[in-house]
């Protein structure tokens, strides 16, 4: 059986034009998620609202992800998204970064079952809204999920996505697959696997090892090989020429958008160069280094020409 693939949000990388261009050039992605929306000074952060309202979201299967620390924040964020026509929201209980966790957001909610109980009524407040949830196994260890799974099972979720590490590990260290499989058994919802998937073989391996999962979520693996989901869906590896042609088509869309929308070469380059951060293996070290060193759009274009 072919697994559904979801594109994980990564701040600074999977912005609106990136998602739009990827969707137009490649197949194989079930749904994209925005980098998280959060509250700032009592209202949705202005920068996040720009993402929510961007015309690049049109025609793309995208769901806003929200990060919150209590019922009031969740109601405000969901209500804002709802008012602009969104009918699918992803709840962030997986962010491992201290600046968010110190405010009780992200993975910190795994140790706040009282808050999870308090937000249960919110799910009935917005008619037609569907919810998914992304989480880790715990904060300091990988067993904290056991203390909240019964509450999560009471939430009307389409699925939960699980990264089988603790927040303390961030993105390093061993994946606790034993605890992941225990959570899979205990969950009343379909479970999506997220973590260390970089090749089609990796996707096949995890689905063979854990046939009960409902899909996979990939972030860095897709940044490093944007064709990954399409190759998996087609059941064959693309040759380099085909990968390069698609990659350059996608980049051209991102390039044109940023040159037209942004002011000044410095700002434009700051939005263009991250496109290549994970692509050294795809484009070669020489071009990759030249792109990173480019200080003008002319030098940037000269570096791109090396690919």
Protein backbone atom coordinates (compact mmCIF):
# COMPACT_ATOMS: atom_id res chain seq x y z
CA UNK A 1 0.00 0.00 0.00
CA UNK A 2 1.26 3.50 -0.88
CA UNK A 3 1.52 5.76 2.16
CA UNK A 4 0.12 9.29 2.20
CA UNK A 5 2.92 11.83 2.57
CA UNK A 6 2.54 15.09 4.48
CA UNK A 7 5.03 17.98 4.16
CA UNK A 8 6.17 19.14 7.61
CA UNK A 9 6.48 22.87 8.31
CA UNK A 10 9.96 24.32 8.81
CA UNK A 11 10.30 27.95 9.78
CA UNK A 12 12.25 29.92 7.19
CA UNK A 13 12.00 27.20 4.56
CA UNK A 14 8.48 26.01 3.80
CA UNK A 15 7.01 29.45 3.33
CA UNK A 16 4.03 30.15 1.06
CA UNK A 17 5.84 30.49 -2.27
CA UNK A 18 7.91 27.39 -1.54
CA UNK A 19 4.78 25.33 -0.88
CA UNK A 20 3.03 26.77 -3.95
CA UNK A 21 5.95 26.08 -6.26
CA UNK A 22 6.47 22.60 -4.87
CA UNK A 23 2.79 21.78 -5.32
CA UNK A 24 2.81 22.99 -8.94
CA UNK A 25 6.00 21.15 -9.92
CA UNK A 26 5.78 17.89 -7.97
CA UNK A 27 3.11 15.35 -7.11
CA UNK A 28 2.78 13.08 -4.10
CA UNK A 29 2.01 15.43 -1.18
CA UNK A 30 -1.30 14.88 0.60
CA UNK A 31 -1.14 18.13 2.58
CA UNK A 32 1.25 20.97 3.42
CA UNK A 33 1.39 22.73 6.81
CA UNK A 34 2.35 26.33 7.52
CA UNK A 35 5.04 27.21 10.04
CA UNK A 36 3.15 27.77 13.28
CA UNK A 37 0.96 30.77 14.03
CA UNK A 38 1.25 32.16 17.54
CA UNK A 39 -0.02 34.93 19.75
CA UNK A 40 2.04 38.03 20.48
CA UNK A 41 0.89 40.86 22.75
CA UNK A 42 -2.63 39.50 22.86
CA UNK A 43 -3.18 39.02 19.13
CA UNK A 44 -2.01 36.75 16.31
CA UNK A 45 1.53 37.76 15.38
CA UNK A 46 1.59 40.10 12.36
CA UNK A 47 4.25 38.10 10.54
CA UNK A 48 2.18 34.94 10.96
CA UNK A 49 -0.91 36.69 9.68
CA UNK A 50 1.00 37.49 6.50
CA UNK A 51 1.49 33.77 5.97
CA UNK A 52 -2.15 33.06 6.68
CA UNK A 53 -3.41 35.65 4.19
CA UNK A 54 -0.83 35.08 1.44
CA UNK A 55 -2.28 34.49 -2.02
CA UNK A 56 0.32 31.73 -2.43
CA UNK A 57 -1.97 29.50 -0.34
CA UNK A 58 -4.61 29.46 -3.08
CA UNK A 59 -4.98 26.12 -4.84
CA UNK A 60 -2.63 24.37 -2.40
CA UNK A 61 -3.86 21.76 0.11
CA UNK A 62 -2.54 23.65 3.13
CA UNK A 63 -3.45 23.73 6.81
CA UNK A 64 -2.29 26.40 9.25
CA UNK A 65 -0.44 25.04 12.26
CA UNK A 66 -1.04 26.83 15.57
CA UNK A 67 1.00 26.84 18.76
CA UNK A 68 -0.72 27.86 22.01
CA UNK A 69 -0.45 27.72 25.79
CA UNK A 70 -4.09 27.83 26.91
CA UNK A 71 -7.69 27.77 25.75
CA UNK A 72 -7.82 31.51 25.11
CA UNK A 73 -4.84 31.44 22.76
CA UNK A 74 -6.20 28.41 20.91
CA UNK A 75 -9.65 29.98 20.48
CA UNK A 76 -8.15 33.19 19.14
CA UNK A 77 -5.87 31.45 16.63
CA UNK A 78 -8.47 28.98 15.40
CA UNK A 79 -11.09 31.71 15.22
CA UNK A 80 -8.78 33.89 13.14
CA UNK A 81 -8.02 31.07 10.69
CA UNK A 82 -11.71 30.18 10.54
CA UNK A 83 -12.69 33.76 9.73
CA UNK A 84 -10.46 33.65 6.66
CA UNK A 85 -11.98 30.45 5.34
CA UNK A 86 -9.65 27.76 6.67
CA UNK A 87 -11.38 24.56 7.73
CA UNK A 88 -8.39 22.48 8.78
CA UNK A 89 -6.01 23.24 11.67
CA UNK A 90 -2.94 21.43 12.98
CA UNK A 91 -2.21 21.72 16.72
CA UNK A 92 1.47 21.96 17.63
CA UNK A 93 2.42 19.81 20.61
CA UNK A 94 5.81 18.94 19.17
CA UNK A 95 7.91 22.11 19.13
CA UNK A 96 11.02 21.36 21.25
CA UNK A 97 12.53 24.84 21.34
CA UNK A 98 12.91 26.51 24.77
CA UNK A 99 11.64 29.97 23.67
CA UNK A 100 8.21 28.40 23.09
CA UNK A 101 8.29 25.73 25.77
CA UNK A 102 9.02 28.24 28.53
CA UNK A 103 5.60 29.73 27.81
CA UNK A 104 3.94 26.34 28.07
CA UNK A 105 3.59 25.87 24.32
CA UNK A 106 4.58 23.06 21.97
CA UNK A 107 5.96 19.95 23.65
CA UNK A 108 5.44 21.56 27.08
CA UNK A 109 1.73 20.71 26.71
CA UNK A 110 2.65 17.04 27.16
CA UNK A 111 3.16 17.90 30.83
CA UNK A 112 0.04 20.09 31.09
CA UNK A 113 -2.93 17.69 31.00
CA UNK A 114 -5.06 20.32 32.77
CA UNK A 115 -4.75 22.61 29.73
CA UNK A 116 -5.55 19.77 27.35
CA UNK A 117 -8.75 19.08 29.27
CA UNK A 118 -9.63 22.78 29.25
CA UNK A 119 -9.40 23.03 25.47
CA UNK A 120 -11.77 20.12 24.78
CA UNK A 121 -14.83 22.40 24.35
CA UNK A 122 -12.99 24.43 21.68
CA UNK A 123 -13.36 21.57 19.21
CA UNK A 124 -17.11 22.15 19.08
CA UNK A 125 -16.98 25.92 18.67
CA UNK A 126 -16.17 26.23 14.96
CA UNK A 127 -18.61 24.45 12.70
CA UNK A 128 -16.92 22.36 10.01
CA UNK A 129 -13.38 22.80 11.33
CA UNK A 130 -11.21 19.68 11.22
CA UNK A 131 -8.21 19.16 13.46
CA UNK A 132 -4.95 17.25 13.39
CA UNK A 133 -2.20 17.25 16.00
CA UNK A 134 1.60 16.92 15.90
CA UNK A 135 3.46 15.78 18.99
CA UNK A 136 6.54 14.23 20.51
CA UNK A 137 6.69 11.34 22.94
CA UNK A 138 7.64 13.49 25.91
CA UNK A 139 9.65 16.40 27.24
CA UNK A 140 12.57 14.91 29.16
CA UNK A 141 11.87 11.28 28.35
CA UNK A 142 9.80 9.36 25.84
CA UNK A 143 7.06 8.09 28.12
CA UNK A 144 5.18 11.32 28.96
CA UNK A 145 2.65 10.62 26.19
CA UNK A 146 1.12 8.00 28.49
CA UNK A 147 -0.12 10.75 30.80
CA UNK A 148 -2.10 12.53 28.07
CA UNK A 149 -3.15 9.85 25.58
CA UNK A 150 -6.58 9.39 27.17
CA UNK A 151 -7.25 13.11 26.75
CA UNK A 152 -6.01 13.10 23.17
CA UNK A 153 -8.31 10.17 22.45
CA UNK A 154 -11.27 12.36 23.47
CA UNK A 155 -10.35 15.01 20.91
CA UNK A 156 -12.04 14.77 17.47
CA UNK A 157 -8.80 14.52 15.50
CA UNK A 158 -8.38 13.30 11.93
CA UNK A 159 -4.94 12.00 12.87
CA UNK A 160 -1.96 12.62 15.12
CA UNK A 161 1.59 12.92 13.84
CA UNK A 162 4.27 11.60 16.17
CA UNK A 163 7.99 12.31 16.16
CA UNK A 164 9.46 9.52 18.33
CA UNK A 165 11.89 11.60 20.35
CA UNK A 166 11.63 13.71 23.48
CA UNK A 167 11.79 17.49 23.31
CA UNK A 168 15.08 17.35 25.21
CA UNK A 169 16.61 15.43 22.30
CA UNK A 170 15.39 18.02 19.79
CA UNK A 171 16.48 16.43 16.47
CA UNK A 172 19.36 14.28 17.70
CA UNK A 173 19.73 10.91 19.36
CA UNK A 174 17.93 7.62 19.00
CA UNK A 175 14.33 7.38 17.90
CA UNK A 176 12.30 5.47 20.49
CA UNK A 177 10.44 3.15 18.17
CA UNK A 178 9.24 0.91 21.01
CA UNK A 179 7.37 3.81 22.63
CA UNK A 180 6.08 4.91 19.22
CA UNK A 181 4.55 1.48 18.67
CA UNK A 182 3.01 1.54 22.13
CA UNK A 183 1.44 4.91 21.39
CA UNK A 184 0.16 3.59 18.07
CA UNK A 185 -1.67 0.79 19.92
CA UNK A 186 -3.10 3.18 22.51
CA UNK A 187 -4.26 5.88 20.09
CA UNK A 188 -7.91 6.10 19.09
CA UNK A 189 -6.82 8.13 16.06
CA UNK A 190 -4.82 7.25 12.92
CA UNK A 191 -1.12 7.87 13.53
CA UNK A 192 1.31 9.49 11.10
CA UNK A 193 5.02 8.73 11.51
CA UNK A 194 7.57 11.58 11.41
CA UNK A 195 11.33 11.28 11.72
CA UNK A 196 14.53 10.64 9.72
CA UNK A 197 12.92 9.82 6.37
CA UNK A 198 15.27 10.83 3.56
CA UNK A 199 14.74 8.30 0.77
CA UNK A 200 11.97 6.24 -0.77
CA UNK A 201 13.65 3.19 0.78
CA UNK A 202 13.28 4.82 4.21
CA UNK A 203 9.55 5.23 3.60
CA UNK A 204 9.20 1.61 2.49
CA UNK A 205 11.22 0.44 5.50
CA UNK A 206 9.09 2.23 8.09
CA UNK A 207 5.83 1.09 6.51
CA UNK A 208 7.05 -2.49 6.45
CA UNK A 209 8.25 -2.29 10.04
CA UNK A 210 5.07 -0.59 11.32
CA UNK A 211 2.26 -1.42 8.89
CA UNK A 212 -0.33 0.16 11.19
CA UNK A 213 0.68 3.75 10.49
CA UNK A 214 -1.66 5.89 8.37
CA UNK A 215 1.03 7.88 6.58
CA UNK A 216 4.33 9.67 6.99
CA UNK A 217 5.32 13.30 7.50
CA UNK A 218 8.60 14.48 6.02
CA UNK A 219 10.39 17.81 6.41
CA UNK A 220 14.15 17.92 5.90
CA UNK A 221 14.08 14.88 3.63
CA UNK A 222 11.89 16.81 1.17
CA UNK A 223 14.00 19.95 1.45
CA UNK A 224 17.03 17.86 0.51
CA UNK A 225 15.21 16.05 -2.31
CA UNK A 226 12.03 17.86 -3.34
CA UNK A 227 11.16 15.04 -5.75
CA UNK A 228 11.08 12.44 -2.96
CA UNK A 229 7.30 12.13 -2.63
CA UNK A 230 6.81 12.07 -6.40
CA UNK A 231 9.45 9.37 -6.80
CA UNK A 232 7.84 7.32 -4.05
CA UNK A 233 4.38 7.72 -5.60
CA UNK A 234 5.68 6.65 -9.02
CA UNK A 235 7.59 3.72 -7.60
CA UNK A 236 10.86 4.58 -9.30
CA UNK A 237 13.90 6.78 -8.75
CA UNK A 238 14.29 9.75 -11.07
CA UNK A 239 17.59 10.22 -12.88
CA UNK A 240 19.61 13.34 -12.16
CA UNK A 241 18.54 15.15 -15.32
CA UNK A 242 14.85 14.82 -14.45
CA UNK A 243 15.44 15.86 -10.83
CA UNK A 244 17.46 18.89 -11.96
CA UNK A 245 14.85 20.00 -14.50
CA UNK A 246 12.06 19.90 -11.91
CA UNK A 247 14.23 21.55 -9.27
CA UNK A 248 15.09 24.46 -11.58
CA UNK A 249 11.43 24.90 -12.53
CA UNK A 250 10.52 25.14 -8.87
CA UNK A 251 13.36 27.54 -8.14
CA UNK A 252 12.36 29.79 -11.03
CA UNK A 253 8.91 30.26 -9.47
CA UNK A 254 10.42 31.04 -6.07
CA UNK A 255 12.97 33.39 -7.65
CA UNK A 256 10.42 35.36 -9.68
CA UNK A 257 8.08 35.73 -6.71
CA UNK A 258 10.77 37.05 -4.37
CA UNK A 259 12.33 39.41 -6.92
CA UNK A 260 8.89 40.88 -7.67
CA UNK A 261 7.62 41.09 -4.08
CA UNK A 262 10.67 42.07 -2.02
CA UNK A 263 12.68 45.28 -1.83
CA UNK A 264 16.45 45.37 -2.18
CA UNK A 265 18.99 42.70 -3.02
CA UNK A 266 19.87 41.93 0.61
CA UNK A 267 16.29 41.14 1.57
CA UNK A 268 15.69 39.22 -1.65
CA UNK A 269 18.80 37.09 -1.20
CA UNK A 270 17.86 36.36 2.41
CA UNK A 271 14.69 34.71 1.08
CA UNK A 272 16.35 32.95 -1.86
CA UNK A 273 19.48 31.34 -0.44
CA UNK A 274 17.68 29.14 2.17
CA UNK A 275 16.09 27.30 -0.78
CA UNK A 276 19.46 25.60 -1.30
CA UNK A 277 20.52 24.96 2.31
CA UNK A 278 19.71 21.24 2.23
CA UNK A 279 20.50 20.66 -1.46
CA UNK A 280 24.29 20.32 -1.48
CA UNK A 281 24.11 16.64 -2.46
CA UNK A 282 21.69 17.44 -5.30
CA UNK A 283 23.55 20.33 -6.91
CA UNK A 284 27.19 19.71 -6.03
CA UNK A 285 29.41 21.42 -3.52
CA UNK A 286 30.89 24.00 -5.93
CA UNK A 287 27.55 25.53 -6.89
CA UNK A 288 26.24 25.19 -3.33
CA UNK A 289 29.19 27.14 -1.88
CA UNK A 290 28.93 29.84 -4.55
CA UNK A 291 25.23 30.30 -3.82
CA UNK A 292 25.87 30.69 -0.10
CA UNK A 293 28.60 33.28 -0.74
CA UNK A 294 26.59 35.34 -3.24
CA UNK A 295 26.24 38.97 -2.12
CA UNK A 296 24.36 40.29 -5.16
CA UNK A 297 21.63 38.89 -7.39
CA UNK A 298 24.10 38.88 -10.28
CA UNK A 299 26.50 36.65 -8.34
CA UNK A 300 23.56 34.53 -7.23
CA UNK A 301 22.45 33.96 -10.82
CA UNK A 302 26.02 33.12 -11.83
CA UNK A 303 26.13 30.53 -9.06
CA UNK A 304 22.81 29.04 -10.16
CA UNK A 305 24.18 28.73 -13.69
CA UNK A 306 26.76 26.26 -12.37
CA UNK A 307 24.07 23.70 -11.58
